Amino acid sequence: MSKYYYPAIFMIEEVGYSVIVPDLPGCFTQGDTIEEAAEMAKEAMGLYLEDTPEEEYAKPSKPQDIELEDN
């Protein structure tokens, strides 16, 4: 099995952090701390890909190609 590295976007919220993974539609999570949010993001990506055959995995984007909103 290969390793895949999907970029994640961390956003500061009023309480904690939210995380989205643009290459995996609907893959998002949150955490109270940045460390917890990172762990939750790894878990969310794993669960998202768990039942997907490896040949169907989305191609990871280059971080510099992801467009972010100003806020």
C-alpha atoms as a PDB file:
ATOM      1  CA  MET A   1       0.000   0.000   0.000  1.00  0.00           C
ATOM      2  CA  SER A   2       1.279   3.453  -0.911  1.00  0.00           C
ATOM      3  CA  LYS A   3       1.284   6.528   1.284  1.00  0.00           C
ATOM      4  CA  TYR A   4      -0.818   9.496   0.274  1.00  0.00           C
ATOM      5  CA  TYR A   5      -0.457  13.025   1.598  1.00  0.00           C
ATOM      6  CA  TYR A   6      -3.600  15.125   1.299  1.00  0.00           C
ATOM      7  CA  PRO A   7      -3.397  18.800   2.225  1.00  0.00           C
ATOM      8  CA  ALA A   8      -5.767  19.934   4.959  1.00  0.00           C
ATOM      9  CA  ILE A   9      -6.994  23.433   5.727  1.00  0.00           C
ATOM     10  CA  PHE A  10      -7.130  24.398   9.405  1.00  0.00           C
ATOM     11  CA  MET A  11      -9.381  27.290  10.380  1.00  0.00           C
ATOM     12  CA  ILE A  12      -9.425  29.054  13.736  1.00  0.00           C
ATOM     13  CA  GLU A  13     -12.961  29.119  15.141  1.00  0.00           C
ATOM     14  CA  GLU A  14     -14.453  30.868  18.174  1.00  0.00           C
ATOM     15  CA  VAL A  15     -13.760  27.658  20.060  1.00  0.00           C
ATOM     16  CA  GLY A  16     -11.040  25.414  18.659  1.00  0.00           C
ATOM     17  CA  TYR A  17     -10.208  24.613  15.055  1.00  0.00           C
ATOM     18  CA  SER A  18     -12.078  23.170  12.112  1.00  0.00           C
ATOM     19  CA  VAL A  19     -10.368  21.186   9.357  1.00  0.00           C
ATOM     20  CA  ILE A  20     -11.365  20.415   5.775  1.00  0.00           C
ATOM     21  CA  VAL A  21      -9.622  18.165   3.259  1.00  0.00           C
ATOM     22  CA  PRO A  22     -10.432  19.652  -0.162  1.00  0.00           C
ATOM     23  CA  ASP A  23      -9.448  16.533  -2.130  1.00  0.00           C
ATOM     24  CA  LEU A  24     -11.914  14.370  -0.188  1.00  0.00           C
ATOM     25  CA  PRO A  25     -15.406  15.889  -0.568  1.00  0.00           C
ATOM     26  CA  GLY A  26     -17.285  15.917   2.712  1.00  0.00           C
ATOM     27  CA  CYS A  27     -14.168  15.114   4.747  1.00  0.00           C
ATOM     28  CA  PHE A  28     -14.068  17.593   7.589  1.00  0.00           C
ATOM     29  CA  THR A  29     -13.634  17.550  11.342  1.00  0.00           C
ATOM     30  CA  GLN A  30     -12.698  19.759  14.291  1.00  0.00           C
ATOM     31  CA  GLY A  31     -10.770  19.817  17.544  1.00  0.00           C
ATOM     32  CA  ASP A  32     -10.413  21.958  20.627  1.00  0.00           C
ATOM     33  CA  THR A  33      -6.640  22.322  20.099  1.00  0.00           C
ATOM     34  CA  ILE A  34      -4.500  22.330  16.948  1.00  0.00           C
ATOM     35  CA  GLU A  35      -3.037  18.972  18.023  1.00  0.00           C
ATOM     36  CA  GLU A  36      -6.472  17.448  18.540  1.00  0.00           C
ATOM     37  CA  ALA A  37      -7.666  18.840  15.200  1.00  0.00           C
ATOM     38  CA  ALA A  38      -4.650  17.281  13.428  1.00  0.00           C
ATOM     39  CA  GLU A  39      -5.323  13.886  15.022  1.00  0.00           C
ATOM     40  CA  MET A  40      -9.014  14.112  14.144  1.00  0.00           C
ATOM     41  CA  ALA A  41      -8.093  15.036  10.554  1.00  0.00           C
ATOM     42  CA  LYS A  42      -5.882  11.939  10.217  1.00  0.00           C
ATOM     43  CA  GLU A  43      -8.708   9.802  11.582  1.00  0.00           C
ATOM     44  CA  ALA A  44     -11.305  11.414   9.289  1.00  0.00           C
ATOM     45  CA  MET A  45      -9.125  10.833   6.210  1.00  0.00           C
ATOM     46  CA  GLY A  46      -8.539   7.223   7.219  1.00  0.00           C
ATOM     47  CA  LEU A  47     -12.253   6.605   7.687  1.00  0.00           C
ATOM     48  CA  TYR A  48     -13.029   8.346   4.393  1.00  0.00           C
ATOM     49  CA  LEU A  49     -10.605   6.112   2.488  1.00  0.00           C
ATOM     50  CA  GLU A  50     -11.187   2.919   4.485  1.00  0.00           C
ATOM     51  CA  ASP A  51     -13.703   1.337   2.120  1.00  0.00           C
ATOM     52  CA  THR A  52     -12.311   2.875  -1.074  1.00  0.00           C
ATOM     53  CA  PRO A  53     -10.067   0.718  -3.256  1.00  0.00           C
ATOM     54  CA  GLU A  54      -6.614   2.305  -3.518  1.00  0.00           C
ATOM     55  CA  GLU A  55      -6.892   2.649  -7.294  1.00  0.00           C
ATOM     56  CA  GLU A  56      -9.917   4.925  -6.728  1.00  0.00           C
ATOM     57  CA  TYR A  57      -8.194   7.285  -4.272  1.00  0.00           C
ATOM     58  CA  ALA A  58      -8.340  10.942  -5.262  1.00  0.00           C
ATOM     59  CA  LYS A  59      -5.084  12.381  -6.526  1.00  0.00           C
ATOM     60  CA  PRO A  60      -3.652  14.666  -3.812  1.00  0.00           C
ATOM     61  CA  SER A  61      -3.483  18.353  -4.706  1.00  0.00           C
ATOM     62  CA  LYS A  62      -0.343  20.401  -4.391  1.00  0.00           C
ATOM     63  CA  PRO A  63      -0.838  22.741  -1.408  1.00  0.00           C
ATOM     64  CA  GLN A  64       0.099  25.783  -3.520  1.00  0.00           C
ATOM     65  CA  ASP A  65      -2.759  24.983  -5.935  1.00  0.00           C
ATOM     66  CA  ILE A  66      -5.487  25.249  -3.272  1.00  0.00           C
ATOM     67  CA  GLU A  67      -7.343  28.552  -3.365  1.00  0.00           C
ATOM     68  CA  LEU A  68      -8.300  29.980   0.001  1.00  0.00           C
ATOM     69  CA  GLU A  69     -10.891  32.599   0.862  1.00  0.00           C
ATOM     70  CA  ASP A  70      -9.748  35.787   2.578  1.00  0.00           C
ATOM     71  CA  ASN A  71     -11.471  34.968   5.836  1.00  0.00           C
END
